[in-house]
């Protein structure tokens, strides 16, 4: 019998090694039993605060709020950003059942010291809806997607299998837990698969290096292409690590090879989406194809790509364009909203940006096609770049001409000091349009491009 189907499970059966480490906080080991005790204690303090909007940046405080709500039978909402306006908007559909507080808890003052006398925990059943994740809203308004406990549990186990097992591995993450990738890798792998949660949430290169240096081995870095490029350009020496994993945007094969050589560790990449969670993986230095995780199946119907898996309540439509190589492998062409057609030739904006990022000295890039002209107007690609002063526009354009069809090489590069990215490295279309509006008319119009 699968114990996760039983709504009431003995304490030790859930913990599966209750004295095993769960987290490393400021040099102190927190065992799984200590974490579960404190999570239940915290959940008992605010049983009326459900649904709960979990806005914690601290990974441990986030995990306590998450599990505390689940053990009390509650639903957790993950905001796509932590702005006041966003959380107020999320509260509106639930005001009748939330008691107005929404679990916006303070950081606990004492960790791992509150042992619950009741050794039987209320554990969610597989089909129970326990979480609402929101899309980033980069192309519009964030869209909510409900997750069952089984989707989260089995999704974490599939990631664990792809990475070769994460038990005992300390995970240093730069990714917010409110994002599905950050949630699965930095919280659910420790919760369900025995990885160690880190109390650090570093952002800057020196902080990332320090967090890795403080973590015991085996240790791994959970991050994004943006952070990896920043780390590479920083010139700082990476402490020895066992592996790296990236998601949110595809890595160019050449850049992945340089990263592995520079940091002396294998780099893995995960493909997924808010709707379904993590679905496939690859080692980008080894080629462009992806492999579906075990049990994930895909098919095309009426021009859309759908995925199915035993832990999904129903099939899920993907927002990406894929090319199936066989039943297990595929190539990613780009998001449907990301695909462009210039002079009858198709490409992906993200795929094109990967070629830019492979250029040494080019630190960041964003591409877009403005909505200029009327019917019959020729589309023009606009590029915003952040680059070293020693890297000239001509050198960038020459490098692009070696690897891209001429129609996808911008006629002009617009240099900026920085791009308005969020913690995931994403930008909204509104942000890009604002950059475009700031350009001098001679540069921003099709005639002056």
Protein backbone atom coordinates (compact mmCIF):
# COMPACT_ATOMS: atom_id res chain seq x y z
CA UNK A 1 0.00 0.00 0.00
CA UNK A 2 1.25 3.47 -0.87
CA UNK A 3 1.30 5.40 2.46
CA UNK A 4 0.66 8.70 0.66
CA UNK A 5 -2.90 7.60 -0.07
CA UNK A 6 -3.62 7.46 3.68
CA UNK A 7 -4.81 10.83 5.06
CA UNK A 8 -3.45 10.05 8.54
CA UNK A 9 0.07 8.63 8.61
CA UNK A 10 2.33 7.77 11.57
CA UNK A 11 4.92 10.47 12.20
CA UNK A 12 8.03 8.34 11.61
CA UNK A 13 6.65 6.90 8.39
CA UNK A 14 6.40 10.39 6.90
CA UNK A 15 9.85 11.45 7.98
CA UNK A 16 11.67 8.34 6.70
CA UNK A 17 14.73 8.96 8.88
CA UNK A 18 13.57 11.65 11.23
CA UNK A 19 17.04 12.42 12.57
CA UNK A 20 18.42 12.90 9.08
CA UNK A 21 19.35 16.50 8.23
CA UNK A 22 16.72 18.62 6.50
CA UNK A 23 18.35 22.07 6.42
CA UNK A 24 21.58 23.90 7.17
CA UNK A 25 20.92 27.27 8.83
CA UNK A 26 23.82 29.50 9.81
CA UNK A 27 26.03 26.49 10.39
CA UNK A 28 23.40 24.57 12.38
CA UNK A 29 21.83 21.34 11.17
CA UNK A 30 18.03 21.15 11.44
CA UNK A 31 16.78 17.56 11.40
CA UNK A 32 13.68 16.45 9.55
CA UNK A 33 11.90 15.82 12.86
CA UNK A 34 12.75 19.32 14.10
CA UNK A 35 11.50 20.87 10.89
CA UNK A 36 8.22 18.91 10.88
CA UNK A 37 7.62 19.69 14.55
CA UNK A 38 8.06 23.40 14.02
CA UNK A 39 6.03 23.43 10.81
CA UNK A 40 3.08 21.82 12.57
CA UNK A 41 3.41 24.15 15.54
CA UNK A 42 3.39 27.14 13.21
CA UNK A 43 0.42 25.76 11.29
CA UNK A 44 -1.55 25.35 14.52
CA UNK A 45 -1.03 29.03 15.39
CA UNK A 46 -2.91 30.26 12.34
CA UNK A 47 -5.35 27.57 11.35
CA UNK A 48 -7.79 30.25 10.14
CA UNK A 49 -5.33 31.75 7.64
CA UNK A 50 -6.22 29.65 4.63
CA UNK A 51 -5.66 30.07 1.78
CA UNK A 52 -2.19 31.32 2.61
CA UNK A 53 -0.17 33.66 0.43
CA UNK A 54 3.45 32.65 0.99
CA UNK A 55 5.65 35.69 0.33
CA UNK A 56 8.71 34.60 2.36
CA UNK A 57 12.09 35.19 0.72
CA UNK A 58 13.88 33.16 3.39
CA UNK A 59 13.82 29.52 2.16
CA UNK A 60 13.36 28.03 5.64
CA UNK A 61 10.57 30.41 6.66
CA UNK A 62 8.91 29.73 3.31
CA UNK A 63 9.12 25.97 3.88
CA UNK A 64 7.67 26.25 7.39
CA UNK A 65 4.70 28.24 6.13
CA UNK A 66 4.17 25.86 3.22
CA UNK A 67 4.19 22.65 5.24
CA UNK A 68 2.39 24.22 8.20
CA UNK A 69 -0.52 25.14 5.95
CA UNK A 70 -0.59 21.69 4.35
CA UNK A 71 -0.63 19.89 7.68
CA UNK A 72 -3.67 21.95 8.64
CA UNK A 73 -5.44 21.06 5.39
CA UNK A 74 -4.82 24.48 3.85
CA UNK A 75 -4.13 25.76 0.35
CA UNK A 76 -1.01 27.83 -0.43
CA UNK A 77 -0.88 30.58 -3.07
CA UNK A 78 2.47 31.57 -4.61
CA UNK A 79 2.50 35.16 -5.93
CA UNK A 80 4.46 35.83 -9.14
CA UNK A 81 5.93 38.87 -7.39
CA UNK A 82 5.86 40.28 -3.86
CA UNK A 83 4.32 43.66 -4.64
CA UNK A 84 1.50 44.94 -2.43
CA UNK A 85 -0.76 45.36 -5.45
CA UNK A 86 -0.22 41.74 -6.51
CA UNK A 87 -0.98 40.24 -3.10
CA UNK A 88 -4.05 42.44 -2.69
CA UNK A 89 -5.33 41.24 -6.07
CA UNK A 90 -4.73 37.61 -5.08
CA UNK A 91 -6.68 38.04 -1.85
CA UNK A 92 -9.89 39.16 -3.50
CA UNK A 93 -11.32 35.76 -4.55
CA UNK A 94 -10.64 34.33 -1.07
CA UNK A 95 -11.68 37.09 1.31
CA UNK A 96 -14.66 35.12 2.57
CA UNK A 97 -12.51 32.27 3.91
CA UNK A 98 -9.20 33.89 4.75
CA UNK A 99 -9.97 35.80 7.95
CA UNK A 100 -8.04 38.64 6.30
CA UNK A 101 -4.54 37.65 7.44
CA UNK A 102 -3.41 35.23 4.73
CA UNK A 103 -0.62 33.70 6.74
CA UNK A 104 1.84 36.55 6.22
CA UNK A 105 3.85 35.27 9.14
CA UNK A 106 6.93 36.60 10.84
CA UNK A 107 10.14 34.59 10.90
CA UNK A 108 10.04 32.07 13.79
CA UNK A 109 12.07 33.08 16.81
CA UNK A 110 13.06 29.57 17.88
CA UNK A 111 13.75 26.78 15.44
CA UNK A 112 13.49 23.05 15.96
CA UNK A 113 12.73 23.28 19.68
CA UNK A 114 8.96 22.76 19.74
CA UNK A 115 8.19 19.06 19.78
CA UNK A 116 4.53 18.32 19.16
CA UNK A 117 2.99 15.83 21.58
CA UNK A 118 0.67 14.43 18.89
CA UNK A 119 2.78 12.11 16.73
CA UNK A 120 0.18 11.66 14.02
CA UNK A 121 0.17 14.30 11.31
CA UNK A 122 -2.59 15.11 8.86
CA UNK A 123 -0.81 14.56 5.55
CA UNK A 124 -2.50 15.57 2.27
CA UNK A 125 -3.82 12.80 0.04
CA UNK A 126 -2.54 12.62 -3.52
CA UNK A 127 -5.60 14.13 -5.20
CA UNK A 128 -5.90 17.01 -2.70
CA UNK A 129 -5.46 20.51 -4.15
CA UNK A 130 -2.75 22.12 -2.03
CA UNK A 131 -1.15 24.89 -4.06
CA UNK A 132 -1.85 27.58 -6.64
CA UNK A 133 1.11 28.67 -8.78
CA UNK A 134 0.91 31.70 -11.06
CA UNK A 135 2.59 32.29 -14.40
CA UNK A 136 5.09 35.14 -14.43
CA UNK A 137 2.84 37.45 -16.43
CA UNK A 138 5.71 38.36 -18.77
CA UNK A 139 3.31 38.44 -21.73
CA UNK A 140 0.18 39.60 -19.87
CA UNK A 141 -1.63 39.00 -16.58
CA UNK A 142 -0.41 36.13 -14.33
CA UNK A 143 -2.61 33.03 -14.69
CA UNK A 144 -3.26 30.70 -11.70
CA UNK A 145 -2.73 26.94 -11.95
CA UNK A 146 -3.87 24.54 -9.23
CA UNK A 147 -1.53 21.74 -8.08
CA UNK A 148 -2.48 18.56 -6.29
CA UNK A 149 -0.22 17.05 -3.66
CA UNK A 150 0.44 14.10 -5.97
CA UNK A 151 1.61 16.39 -8.77
CA UNK A 152 4.16 18.02 -6.46
CA UNK A 153 5.31 14.78 -4.83
CA UNK A 154 5.80 12.80 -8.03
CA UNK A 155 7.19 15.81 -9.88
CA UNK A 156 9.95 16.13 -7.27
CA UNK A 157 10.72 12.42 -7.54
CA UNK A 158 11.07 12.69 -11.32
CA UNK A 159 13.55 15.56 -10.95
CA UNK A 160 15.43 13.55 -8.33
CA UNK A 161 15.72 10.65 -10.76
CA UNK A 162 16.96 12.87 -13.58
CA UNK A 163 19.67 14.35 -11.34
CA UNK A 164 20.81 10.90 -10.24
CA UNK A 165 19.50 11.23 -6.68
CA UNK A 166 19.74 14.28 -4.45
CA UNK A 167 19.71 12.73 -0.98
CA UNK A 168 22.30 14.47 1.18
CA UNK A 169 23.09 17.14 -1.45
CA UNK A 170 23.00 20.72 -0.16
CA UNK A 171 21.12 22.86 -2.68
CA UNK A 172 22.15 26.52 -2.97
CA UNK A 173 19.42 28.28 -4.94
CA UNK A 174 19.28 31.75 -6.47
CA UNK A 175 15.68 31.18 -7.64
CA UNK A 176 12.61 32.44 -5.71
CA UNK A 177 10.57 29.63 -4.16
CA UNK A 178 7.40 31.26 -5.49
CA UNK A 179 8.43 30.12 -8.99
CA UNK A 180 7.65 26.47 -9.83
CA UNK A 181 11.26 25.70 -10.72
CA UNK A 182 12.50 27.28 -7.49
CA UNK A 183 9.82 25.52 -5.45
CA UNK A 184 10.55 22.09 -6.90
CA UNK A 185 14.34 22.27 -6.77
CA UNK A 186 15.01 24.18 -3.55
CA UNK A 187 12.06 23.14 -1.35
CA UNK A 188 10.35 19.98 -2.62
CA UNK A 189 13.58 18.04 -3.21
CA UNK A 190 14.55 18.53 0.46
CA UNK A 191 10.99 17.81 1.60
CA UNK A 192 10.39 14.65 -0.44
CA UNK A 193 13.77 13.36 -1.61
CA UNK A 194 16.25 13.99 1.21
CA UNK A 195 18.24 16.89 -0.24
CA UNK A 196 19.41 19.58 2.22
CA UNK A 197 17.71 22.95 2.16
CA UNK A 198 20.02 25.94 2.45
CA UNK A 199 18.99 28.93 4.52
CA UNK A 200 20.78 31.23 2.06
CA UNK A 201 19.19 32.95 -0.92
CA UNK A 202 22.21 34.60 -2.60
CA UNK A 203 21.93 36.90 -5.59
CA UNK A 204 25.25 38.64 -6.23
CA UNK A 205 28.28 36.63 -7.42
CA UNK A 206 30.30 37.09 -4.23
CA UNK A 207 27.30 36.02 -2.12
CA UNK A 208 26.74 32.93 -4.28
CA UNK A 209 30.39 31.93 -3.95
CA UNK A 210 30.28 32.47 -0.17
CA UNK A 211 27.10 30.40 0.21
CA UNK A 212 28.62 27.54 -1.77
CA UNK A 213 31.85 27.73 0.19
CA UNK A 214 29.93 27.45 3.50
CA UNK A 215 27.89 24.43 2.38
CA UNK A 216 29.16 20.93 3.03
CA UNK A 217 29.69 18.62 0.08
CA UNK A 218 28.05 17.21 -1.88
CA UNK A 219 26.65 20.60 -2.90
CA UNK A 220 24.97 21.96 -6.01
CA UNK A 221 23.87 25.28 -7.47
CA UNK A 222 20.25 25.79 -8.56
CA UNK A 223 20.14 28.84 -10.78
CA UNK A 224 19.24 30.50 -14.10
CA UNK A 225 21.12 31.39 -17.31
CA UNK A 226 21.23 35.02 -16.17
CA UNK A 227 23.01 34.16 -12.92
CA UNK A 228 25.38 31.73 -14.64
CA UNK A 229 26.45 34.39 -17.14
CA UNK A 230 26.96 36.92 -14.35
CA UNK A 231 29.04 34.41 -12.39
CA UNK A 232 31.15 33.65 -15.45
CA UNK A 233 31.74 37.33 -16.21
CA UNK A 234 32.60 38.12 -12.58
CA UNK A 235 35.91 36.29 -12.82
CA UNK A 236 35.49 34.97 -9.29
CA UNK A 237 36.75 31.50 -8.44
CA UNK A 238 33.94 28.99 -7.93
CA UNK A 239 34.35 26.72 -4.88
CA UNK A 240 34.31 23.03 -5.89
CA UNK A 241 30.72 21.92 -6.55
CA UNK A 242 29.23 18.61 -7.64
CA UNK A 243 26.81 19.90 -10.27
CA UNK A 244 24.79 22.87 -11.46
CA UNK A 245 21.22 22.98 -12.74
CA UNK A 246 19.57 25.74 -14.75
CA UNK A 247 16.11 26.55 -16.08
CA UNK A 248 13.81 29.41 -17.24
CA UNK A 249 15.57 29.87 -20.64
CA UNK A 250 17.57 27.50 -22.88
CA UNK A 251 21.36 27.67 -22.71
CA UNK A 252 23.44 27.81 -25.87
CA UNK A 253 25.64 24.72 -26.24
CA UNK A 254 28.85 26.76 -26.52
CA UNK A 255 28.06 28.75 -23.37
CA UNK A 256 27.18 25.56 -21.47
CA UNK A 257 30.54 24.05 -22.46
CA UNK A 258 32.40 27.15 -21.26
CA UNK A 259 30.48 27.11 -17.95
CA UNK A 260 31.29 23.45 -17.30
CA UNK A 261 34.95 24.01 -18.08
CA UNK A 262 35.18 27.19 -16.00
CA UNK A 263 33.42 25.79 -12.93
CA UNK A 264 34.65 22.19 -13.32
CA UNK A 265 31.21 20.69 -12.78
CA UNK A 266 28.48 19.16 -14.95
CA UNK A 267 25.64 21.49 -15.88
CA UNK A 268 22.12 20.11 -16.24
CA UNK A 269 19.08 21.88 -17.61
CA UNK A 270 15.40 21.38 -16.85
CA UNK A 271 12.46 22.10 -19.10
CA UNK A 272 9.05 22.76 -17.60
CA UNK A 273 6.29 25.27 -17.12
CA UNK A 274 4.02 26.61 -14.41
CA UNK A 275 1.13 24.55 -15.75
CA UNK A 276 2.87 21.17 -15.43
CA UNK A 277 6.05 21.65 -13.40
CA UNK A 278 9.33 20.10 -14.55
CA UNK A 279 8.92 17.75 -17.50
CA UNK A 280 12.24 17.04 -19.18
CA UNK A 281 15.97 17.50 -18.88
CA UNK A 282 19.24 17.53 -20.74
CA UNK A 283 22.93 18.28 -20.43
CA UNK A 284 23.16 21.26 -22.80
CA UNK A 285 26.88 20.84 -23.48
CA UNK A 286 26.03 17.49 -25.08
CA UNK A 287 23.48 18.69 -27.63
CA UNK A 288 20.19 20.43 -28.21
CA UNK A 289 17.72 17.58 -27.64
CA UNK A 290 15.70 17.08 -24.46
CA UNK A 291 14.53 13.84 -22.85
CA UNK A 292 11.10 13.59 -21.21
CA UNK A 293 11.16 12.49 -17.60
CA UNK A 294 10.05 8.92 -16.97
CA UNK A 295 6.32 8.51 -17.55
CA UNK A 296 5.81 11.85 -19.31
CA UNK A 297 4.14 11.46 -22.71
CA UNK A 298 3.51 14.08 -25.39
CA UNK A 299 1.37 14.28 -28.49
CA UNK A 300 0.12 16.88 -30.93
CA UNK A 301 -3.56 17.58 -31.54
CA UNK A 302 -5.03 20.35 -33.70
CA UNK A 303 -1.71 22.16 -33.79
CA UNK A 304 -1.19 22.10 -29.99
CA UNK A 305 1.27 20.02 -27.98
CA UNK A 306 -0.15 18.21 -24.94
CA UNK A 307 1.61 16.29 -22.17
CA UNK A 308 0.25 13.52 -19.98
CA UNK A 309 1.68 11.76 -16.94
CA UNK A 310 0.32 9.42 -14.31
CA UNK A 311 0.49 12.17 -11.66
CA UNK A 312 -1.45 14.72 -13.76
CA UNK A 313 -5.21 14.85 -13.13
CA UNK A 314 -5.68 15.62 -16.83
CA UNK A 315 -3.67 16.40 -19.92
CA UNK A 316 -1.90 19.77 -20.03
CA UNK A 317 -1.47 21.99 -23.09
CA UNK A 318 2.02 23.43 -23.52
CA UNK A 319 2.65 26.99 -24.64
CA UNK A 320 5.83 25.93 -26.44
CA UNK A 321 6.52 24.68 -29.94
CA UNK A 322 8.31 21.31 -29.85
CA UNK A 323 9.64 18.95 -32.51
CA UNK A 324 9.42 15.29 -31.50
CA UNK A 325 12.50 13.22 -32.38
CA UNK A 326 11.04 9.99 -30.99
CA UNK A 327 8.75 9.03 -28.10
CA UNK A 328 11.35 10.15 -25.52
CA UNK A 329 13.27 13.01 -27.13
CA UNK A 330 12.41 16.40 -28.61
CA UNK A 331 13.89 19.74 -29.54
CA UNK A 332 12.50 23.00 -28.20
CA UNK A 333 11.76 25.56 -30.89
CA UNK A 334 10.52 28.23 -28.47
CA UNK A 335 7.37 29.52 -26.85
CA UNK A 336 4.46 29.89 -29.23
CA UNK A 337 4.30 33.58 -28.29
CA UNK A 338 8.08 33.79 -28.77
CA UNK A 339 8.24 32.50 -32.35
CA UNK A 340 8.84 35.09 -35.04
CA UNK A 341 8.63 35.16 -38.82
CA UNK A 342 10.85 37.56 -40.76
CA UNK A 343 10.82 37.43 -44.56
CA UNK A 344 9.22 34.00 -44.43
CA UNK A 345 11.86 32.56 -42.08
CA UNK A 346 10.94 31.36 -38.57
CA UNK A 347 12.96 31.48 -35.39
CA UNK A 348 12.61 31.93 -31.64
CA UNK A 349 13.53 35.13 -29.82
CA UNK A 350 14.99 33.13 -26.92
CA UNK A 351 16.96 30.97 -29.33
CA UNK A 352 18.37 34.06 -31.00
CA UNK A 353 19.24 35.60 -27.63
CA UNK A 354 21.25 32.47 -26.80
CA UNK A 355 23.55 33.25 -29.74
CA UNK A 356 24.11 36.76 -28.37
CA UNK A 357 24.96 35.42 -24.91
CA UNK A 358 27.60 33.09 -26.34
CA UNK A 359 29.65 36.17 -27.33
CA UNK A 360 32.41 36.89 -24.82
CA UNK A 361 31.94 40.26 -23.15
CA UNK A 362 28.22 40.49 -23.94
CA UNK A 363 26.54 40.41 -20.55
CA UNK A 364 22.83 40.57 -21.38
CA UNK A 365 20.44 40.96 -24.29
CA UNK A 366 16.75 41.38 -25.02
CA UNK A 367 15.17 41.12 -28.46
CA UNK A 368 11.79 42.23 -29.70
CA UNK A 369 9.90 43.05 -32.88
CA UNK A 370 8.08 46.38 -32.49
CA UNK A 371 4.53 46.80 -33.74
CA UNK A 372 5.51 49.28 -36.40
CA UNK A 373 3.92 49.99 -39.72
CA UNK A 374 0.75 48.75 -41.32
CA UNK A 375 -0.05 45.79 -43.47
CA UNK A 376 2.91 44.69 -45.58
CA UNK A 377 5.51 46.44 -43.41
CA UNK A 378 8.80 44.56 -43.07
CA UNK A 379 9.44 43.27 -39.54
CA UNK A 380 12.66 44.54 -37.98
CA UNK A 381 14.42 42.96 -35.03
CA UNK A 382 15.40 45.38 -32.25
CA UNK A 383 18.22 44.40 -29.87
CA UNK A 384 19.01 45.88 -26.46
CA UNK A 385 22.44 44.79 -25.21
CA UNK A 386 24.53 45.15 -22.07
CA UNK A 387 28.17 44.70 -23.03
CA UNK A 388 31.71 45.54 -22.00
CA UNK A 389 32.97 48.87 -23.32
CA UNK A 390 35.77 47.05 -25.12
CA UNK A 391 33.24 44.98 -27.09
CA UNK A 392 32.16 47.10 -30.04
CA UNK A 393 28.85 46.83 -31.83
CA UNK A 394 30.68 45.88 -35.02
CA UNK A 395 32.36 42.92 -33.32
CA UNK A 396 28.98 41.75 -31.99
CA UNK A 397 27.34 42.03 -35.40
CA UNK A 398 30.23 40.25 -37.13
CA UNK A 399 29.97 37.37 -34.65
CA UNK A 400 26.22 37.10 -35.24
CA UNK A 401 26.66 37.03 -39.03
CA UNK A 402 28.81 33.91 -38.64
CA UNK A 403 26.00 31.94 -36.98
CA UNK A 404 22.67 33.52 -38.01
CA UNK A 405 20.69 34.01 -41.18
CA UNK A 406 21.10 37.67 -42.21
CA UNK A 407 17.39 38.40 -41.65
CA UNK A 408 17.87 37.70 -37.92
CA UNK A 409 20.90 39.98 -37.49
CA UNK A 410 19.70 43.37 -36.16
CA UNK A 411 20.71 46.35 -38.23
CA UNK A 412 21.38 48.32 -35.06
CA UNK A 413 22.24 47.48 -31.45
CA UNK A 414 20.91 49.67 -28.65
CA UNK A 415 23.29 49.61 -25.68
CA UNK A 416 21.85 50.04 -22.18
CA UNK A 417 23.43 49.96 -18.72
CA UNK A 418 21.07 47.24 -17.51
CA UNK A 419 17.86 45.46 -18.44
CA UNK A 420 14.82 45.57 -16.10
CA UNK A 421 14.80 41.88 -15.18
CA UNK A 422 13.11 40.35 -12.15
CA UNK A 423 14.66 37.76 -9.82
CA UNK A 424 14.03 35.02 -12.41
CA UNK A 425 15.76 36.98 -15.13
CA UNK A 426 12.49 37.70 -16.92
CA UNK A 427 11.06 40.93 -18.30
CA UNK A 428 7.51 41.87 -19.11
CA UNK A 429 6.47 43.06 -22.55
CA UNK A 430 5.55 46.37 -20.92
CA UNK A 431 9.17 46.75 -19.74
CA UNK A 432 10.48 46.11 -23.24
CA UNK A 433 8.05 48.57 -24.77
CA UNK A 434 9.16 51.17 -22.22
CA UNK A 435 12.78 50.66 -23.34
CA UNK A 436 11.67 51.08 -26.93
CA UNK A 437 9.75 54.26 -26.12
CA UNK A 438 12.89 55.72 -24.55
CA UNK A 439 14.87 55.38 -27.77
CA UNK A 440 15.46 58.49 -29.87
CA UNK A 441 12.96 58.55 -32.72
CA UNK A 442 15.75 58.30 -35.29
CA UNK A 443 16.83 55.00 -33.75
CA UNK A 444 13.41 53.67 -32.78
CA UNK A 445 11.54 53.99 -36.06
CA UNK A 446 11.79 51.53 -38.90
CA UNK A 447 13.20 54.19 -41.18
CA UNK A 448 16.00 54.96 -38.75
CA UNK A 449 16.78 51.38 -37.77
